[in-house]
Protein backbone atom coordinates (compact mmCIF):
# COMPACT_ATOMS: atom_id res chain seq x y z
CA MET A 1 -67.59 45.98 -61.48
CA LEU A 2 -66.03 43.30 -58.23
CA LYS A 3 -67.65 41.19 -59.19
CA LYS A 4 -66.66 41.39 -62.96
CA ILE A 5 -63.09 41.73 -61.51
CA LYS A 6 -63.12 38.56 -59.23
CA TYR A 7 -65.61 36.08 -61.95
CA ILE A 8 -62.14 37.67 -64.54
CA LEU A 9 -59.83 36.05 -61.80
CA ILE A 10 -61.43 32.44 -60.64
CA ILE A 11 -61.38 32.17 -64.65
CA VAL A 12 -57.50 33.09 -65.09
CA VAL A 13 -56.71 30.43 -61.72
CA VAL A 14 -58.81 27.80 -63.57
CA LEU A 15 -57.33 28.44 -66.79
CA VAL A 16 -53.40 28.27 -65.14
CA GLY A 17 -54.48 25.00 -63.10
CA PHE A 18 -55.34 23.08 -66.60
CA SER A 19 -52.78 25.12 -68.19
CA ALA A 20 -50.43 23.41 -65.03
CA CYS A 21 -52.22 20.41 -65.14
CA SER A 22 -51.70 19.28 -69.11
CA LYS A 23 -48.47 20.48 -69.27
CA TYR A 24 -47.84 17.94 -65.55
CA GLN A 25 -49.42 14.75 -68.20
CA LYS A 26 -46.95 15.85 -71.25
CA LEU A 27 -44.57 15.46 -68.78
CA LEU A 28 -44.95 12.71 -67.12
CA LYS A 29 -45.78 10.80 -70.87
CA SER A 30 -42.99 12.12 -72.06
CA THR A 31 -39.55 10.42 -72.48
CA ASP A 32 -37.47 13.29 -71.06
CA TYR A 33 -36.64 12.32 -67.69
CA GLU A 34 -33.52 15.34 -66.63
CA SER A 35 -36.80 17.20 -67.45
CA LYS A 36 -39.19 15.29 -65.42
CA TYR A 37 -36.04 14.75 -62.71
CA GLN A 38 -35.76 18.74 -62.52
CA MET A 39 -39.77 19.01 -62.34
CA ALA A 40 -39.95 16.26 -59.44
CA LYS A 41 -37.68 18.58 -57.39
CA LYS A 42 -40.13 21.58 -57.18
CA TYR A 43 -42.57 20.25 -56.45
CA TYR A 44 -40.58 17.94 -53.94
CA ALA A 45 -39.20 22.25 -52.86
CA SER A 46 -43.72 23.25 -52.99
CA LYS A 47 -44.41 20.68 -50.87
CA ASP A 48 -46.08 18.32 -53.73
CA TYR A 49 -45.37 15.43 -52.59
CA PHE A 50 -47.94 13.31 -54.96
CA ARG A 51 -46.38 14.34 -58.11
CA THR A 52 -43.09 14.50 -56.98
CA ILE A 53 -43.61 10.67 -56.16
CA GLN A 54 -45.60 10.59 -59.85
CA LEU A 55 -42.53 11.32 -61.07
CA LEU A 56 -39.61 10.16 -59.35
CA ASP A 57 -41.06 6.64 -60.04
CA GLN A 58 -39.98 6.86 -63.74
CA VAL A 59 -37.02 9.00 -62.84
CA LEU A 60 -35.36 6.39 -60.87
CA ILE A 61 -35.02 3.77 -63.13
CA TYR A 62 -32.89 6.03 -65.04
CA PHE A 63 -31.11 6.99 -63.01
CA LYS A 64 -29.84 4.25 -61.02
CA GLY A 65 -26.22 4.16 -61.68
CA THR A 66 -26.19 7.62 -61.99
CA SER A 67 -24.34 9.99 -59.58
CA LYS A 68 -28.18 11.92 -59.35
CA ALA A 69 -29.82 8.76 -58.24
CA ASP A 70 -28.78 9.39 -55.30
CA SER A 71 -30.64 12.67 -54.87
CA ALA A 72 -33.72 11.67 -56.36
CA PHE A 73 -34.16 8.26 -53.84
CA TYR A 74 -33.44 10.66 -50.95
CA MET A 75 -36.36 12.93 -52.45
CA TYR A 76 -38.85 9.87 -53.27
CA ALA A 77 -38.47 7.77 -49.97
CA TYR A 78 -38.75 11.95 -47.98
CA SER A 79 -42.12 12.39 -49.94
CA TYR A 80 -43.99 9.44 -48.36
CA TYR A 81 -43.15 10.39 -45.02
CA TYR A 82 -43.74 13.64 -45.24
CA GLN A 83 -47.32 12.33 -46.30
CA ASN A 84 -47.34 10.08 -43.10
CA ASP A 85 -47.36 6.69 -45.51
CA TYR A 86 -44.59 5.66 -42.63
CA LEU A 87 -44.69 1.80 -43.94
CA SER A 88 -43.83 2.70 -47.25
CA ALA A 89 -41.63 5.69 -45.89
CA ALA A 90 -39.53 2.77 -44.09
CA TYR A 91 -39.47 0.49 -46.59
CA HIS A 92 -37.99 2.89 -49.48
CA PHE A 93 -34.93 4.82 -46.48
CA LYS A 94 -33.98 1.73 -45.81
CA ASN A 95 -33.94 0.16 -49.63
CA PHE A 96 -31.78 3.62 -49.14
CA ALA A 97 -29.37 2.82 -47.15
CA THR A 98 -28.64 -1.17 -47.80
CA THR A 99 -28.40 0.46 -52.20
CA TYR A 100 -26.57 3.48 -51.59
CA PHE A 101 -23.99 2.79 -48.39
CA MET A 102 -21.49 5.80 -49.41
CA SER A 103 -24.21 8.67 -49.74
CA PRO A 104 -23.97 11.11 -47.10
CA PHE A 105 -27.89 10.45 -46.81
CA THR A 106 -26.53 6.83 -46.00
CA GLU A 107 -26.88 7.03 -42.38
CA GLU A 108 -29.88 9.41 -41.85
CA CYS A 109 -31.36 6.65 -44.06
CA TYR A 110 -31.08 4.35 -42.39
CA TYR A 111 -31.75 6.51 -38.91
CA MET A 112 -35.63 7.49 -40.62
CA SER A 113 -36.15 3.78 -41.79
CA ALA A 114 -36.03 2.83 -38.00
CA TYR A 115 -37.29 6.25 -36.60
CA CYS A 116 -40.92 5.65 -39.16
CA LEU A 117 -41.40 2.74 -37.89
CA TYR A 118 -41.59 3.81 -34.23
CA LEU A 119 -43.35 6.57 -35.70
CA ASP A 120 -46.04 3.70 -37.35
CA SER A 121 -45.77 2.34 -33.93
CA PRO A 122 -49.87 1.40 -32.36
CA ILE A 123 -51.20 2.28 -29.37
CA TYR A 124 -50.16 -0.49 -26.06
CA LYS A 125 -54.47 -2.42 -26.27
CA LEU A 126 -53.09 -3.29 -30.34
CA ASP A 127 -50.69 -5.27 -31.88
CA GLN A 128 -47.19 -4.55 -31.43
CA THR A 129 -45.45 -7.17 -34.13
CA ASN A 130 -44.37 -2.87 -35.45
CA THR A 131 -43.52 -2.06 -32.23
CA PHE A 132 -41.06 -4.83 -32.15
CA GLN A 133 -40.05 -4.56 -35.48
CA ALA A 134 -38.72 -1.07 -35.03
CA ILE A 135 -37.15 -1.91 -31.57
CA LYS A 136 -35.04 -4.03 -33.89
CA GLU A 137 -34.17 -1.65 -35.81
CA LEU A 138 -33.21 1.38 -33.84
CA GLN A 139 -31.07 -0.98 -32.29
CA SER A 140 -29.29 -2.01 -35.21
CA PHE A 141 -29.07 1.58 -36.11
CA VAL A 142 -26.89 2.09 -32.79
CA ASP A 143 -24.85 -1.14 -33.45
CA LEU A 144 -24.08 0.45 -36.73
CA TYR A 145 -23.38 4.01 -35.64
CA PRO A 146 -22.62 3.65 -32.26
CA LYS A 147 -21.03 7.37 -32.41
CA SER A 148 -23.99 8.76 -34.49
CA THR A 149 -24.97 12.19 -32.80
CA ARG A 150 -28.96 9.99 -33.45
CA VAL A 151 -27.68 7.69 -30.86
CA ALA A 152 -29.21 9.63 -28.09
CA GLU A 153 -32.91 9.77 -29.41
CA CYS A 154 -32.85 5.88 -30.27
CA ASN A 155 -32.33 5.38 -26.14
CA LYS A 156 -35.05 7.74 -25.90
CA LEU A 157 -37.08 5.85 -28.39
CA LEU A 158 -35.64 2.76 -27.19
CA ASP A 159 -37.31 3.33 -23.76
CA GLU A 160 -40.73 4.97 -25.03
CA LEU A 161 -41.48 1.36 -27.40
CA ARG A 162 -40.36 -0.51 -24.53
CA LEU A 163 -42.96 1.16 -21.60
CA LYS A 164 -45.33 0.23 -24.19
CA LEU A 165 -44.16 -2.87 -24.12
CA GLN A 166 -44.01 -3.32 -20.11
CA LYS A 167 -47.56 -1.38 -20.26
CA LYS A 168 -48.82 -3.94 -23.36
CA TYR A 169 -47.94 -7.02 -21.22
CA PHE A 170 -48.47 -5.70 -17.25
CA GLU A 171 -51.89 -5.08 -18.68
CA ILE A 172 -52.49 -8.51 -20.13
CA ALA A 173 -51.93 -10.13 -16.64
CA LYS A 174 -54.00 -7.84 -14.62
CA LEU A 175 -56.92 -8.97 -16.79
CA TYR A 176 -56.04 -13.12 -16.22
CA LEU A 177 -56.03 -11.91 -12.73
CA LYS A 178 -59.12 -10.21 -13.42
CA THR A 179 -61.11 -13.35 -14.63
CA GLU A 180 -59.58 -15.88 -12.33
CA ASN A 181 -57.43 -17.31 -14.69
CA PHE A 182 -54.73 -17.36 -11.97
CA VAL A 183 -52.38 -19.65 -13.59
CA ALA A 184 -51.52 -17.33 -16.95
CA ALA A 185 -51.56 -14.18 -14.66
CA ILE A 186 -48.75 -15.45 -13.05
CA TRP A 187 -46.88 -16.43 -15.69
CA SER A 188 -46.93 -13.03 -17.14
CA PHE A 189 -46.58 -11.25 -14.28
CA ASN A 190 -43.00 -13.83 -14.03
CA ASN A 191 -42.20 -13.20 -18.11
CA ASN A 192 -42.90 -9.15 -17.53
CA LEU A 193 -39.92 -9.15 -14.72
CA LYS A 194 -37.83 -11.83 -16.30
CA ASP A 195 -38.41 -9.27 -19.94
CA TYR A 196 -37.71 -5.57 -18.57
CA PRO A 197 -35.92 -6.38 -15.51
CA ASP A 198 -36.13 -2.90 -14.60
CA ASN A 199 -40.05 -2.57 -15.07
CA VAL A 200 -41.02 0.14 -14.23
CA TYR A 201 -44.55 -1.26 -13.31
CA LYS A 202 -42.61 -3.87 -10.87
CA GLU A 203 -43.54 -2.97 -7.33
CA GLU A 204 -47.13 -3.82 -8.19
CA ILE A 205 -45.91 -6.84 -10.51
CA LEU A 206 -44.46 -8.60 -7.29
CA PHE A 207 -47.77 -7.22 -4.98
CA ASN A 208 -49.94 -9.59 -7.55
CA LEU A 209 -47.45 -11.86 -7.22
CA ILE A 210 -48.49 -12.21 -3.71
CA LYS A 211 -52.27 -12.20 -4.39
CA ALA A 212 -52.63 -14.09 -8.05
CA ASN A 213 -50.69 -17.17 -6.04
CA TYR A 214 -52.93 -16.29 -2.47
CA LEU A 215 -55.59 -17.15 -4.53
CA TYR A 216 -54.77 -19.64 -6.72
CA ALA A 217 -53.90 -21.31 -3.83
CA LYS A 218 -57.42 -20.74 -1.82
CA LYS A 219 -58.94 -22.12 -5.55
CA SER A 220 -56.67 -25.49 -5.30
CA VAL A 221 -57.23 -29.12 -4.57
CA ASP A 222 -55.58 -29.95 -0.99
CA SER A 223 -53.25 -31.84 -2.13
CA LYS A 224 -51.57 -28.78 -4.40
CA LYS A 225 -52.73 -26.27 -1.56
CA VAL A 226 -49.80 -25.94 0.77
CA GLU A 227 -47.12 -25.43 -2.11
CA ARG A 228 -49.29 -22.58 -3.61
CA PHE A 229 -49.57 -20.72 -0.74
CA GLN A 230 -46.39 -21.52 0.20
CA ALA A 231 -45.28 -19.97 -3.21
CA SER A 232 -47.33 -16.72 -2.29
CA ILE A 233 -45.38 -16.64 1.14
CA GLU A 234 -41.63 -16.60 -1.44
CA ALA A 235 -43.34 -14.19 -3.65
CA TYR A 236 -43.80 -11.98 -0.31
CA ASN A 237 -40.40 -12.38 0.52
CA VAL A 238 -39.10 -11.25 -2.55
CA PHE A 239 -41.85 -7.86 -2.70
CA ALA A 240 -40.79 -6.98 1.34
CA LYS A 241 -37.29 -6.83 1.06
CA THR A 242 -37.32 -5.22 -2.52
CA TYR A 243 -39.80 -2.54 -1.10
CA THR A 244 -39.96 -1.38 2.82
CA ASN A 245 -41.58 0.87 2.12
CA SER A 246 -45.17 -0.15 -0.27
CA LYS A 247 -48.13 1.58 -0.50
CA PHE A 248 -48.55 -1.90 -1.15
CA SER A 249 -47.25 -4.04 1.92
CA SER A 250 -50.68 -3.80 4.42
CA THR A 251 -52.72 -5.63 2.08
CA ALA A 252 -49.10 -8.00 1.30
CA GLU A 253 -48.97 -8.72 4.69
CA VAL A 254 -52.10 -9.57 5.02
CA TYR A 255 -51.84 -12.38 2.16
CA TYR A 256 -49.03 -13.21 4.34
CA LYS A 257 -50.32 -13.98 7.04
CA ASN A 258 -53.25 -15.56 5.65
CA ALA A 259 -51.44 -17.91 4.00
CA GLN A 260 -49.54 -18.52 7.22
CA LYS A 261 -52.70 -19.70 8.74
CA GLU A 262 -53.75 -21.21 5.81
CA ILE A 263 -50.07 -23.84 5.05
CA ASN A 264 -51.00 -24.13 9.51
CA LYS A 265 -54.53 -25.69 9.43
CA ILE A 266 -53.68 -27.28 6.49
CA LYS A 267 -50.93 -29.10 8.83
CA LYS A 268 -53.22 -29.85 11.77
CA ILE A 269 -55.15 -31.73 9.84
CA LYS A 270 -53.19 -34.01 8.49
CA ALA A 271 -51.59 -34.53 12.17
C-alpha cells in the first residue's frame, strides 16, 4: 500500500513539473510582458534566478522608459549576482547606475558593481587585472558618495585588495632575488615601496635591498663594485634608521660590515 502511495505521489510530482514547464514555455513565447514581469518576480522570490533572467531578458526592452524599468533591471542584475556570475553582475549593476541615475537603487547598484569586481578578484598568484579594476571602481564609489554608509566597507575592501597587490609584488621581487636576477629584484623592491609607502612588508623589503645590492656587487665587474657595495651600505642606513630593533638587524649588519670591507679592500688595491 505504501509503495502504491509513493508511486502515485511521484507521478503527481512529475505531472505538476511538466505542467509548470509547459506554462513557463508558453509564457516565454507569449507577448504578455506584464505577465512575464509578474512571473519573473515570483521566480526571483523563489530564488529561481535562471528563469528570472530568461523572462527579464524579454521584459527589459519592453519596459524601457516605464516606471517598472528600474525594478526589472534591479532584479536582473541581482539574479546574476546570486548565481555567482560576478562579472556579468558587475556589468549590469554599473549599467543600471549609469542608466537610472535618479532611481532609489542607484547608489546601491553603483556599490554592487564595485563589490562584484572585488568578489571576482583572484588569489595573488594570478593575473590581477580585475583587482585593479575593483580598486578603481571602489575608489570611484567613495569619491562619488563620500557620505554614504557604505564608504567604511569600501575602504576596508580597498585595503584588502591593496594588501593582495603588495603580497604579489613582494613575492615577485623575492623570486628575482632567489634566482639571482638582482637588477630586477632591486627595481621590484623599490617600486613596491614607492607604490605602497605603508607596505606591510616594508621591514623585509628594506632588508632585502641590503642583501640584493650586496650580492649584486659581489657578482659585478671590478669597475662597478664600489658603487654597488656603497648602494648596499646606503640601503643599510635606511633600514637601520627605520628599524632599530628588527629581527633582521644582525644579518643586515653583517652585510653592512662586509660591504665596507670590500670597498676598503678595493681602495687598497687601487692605491
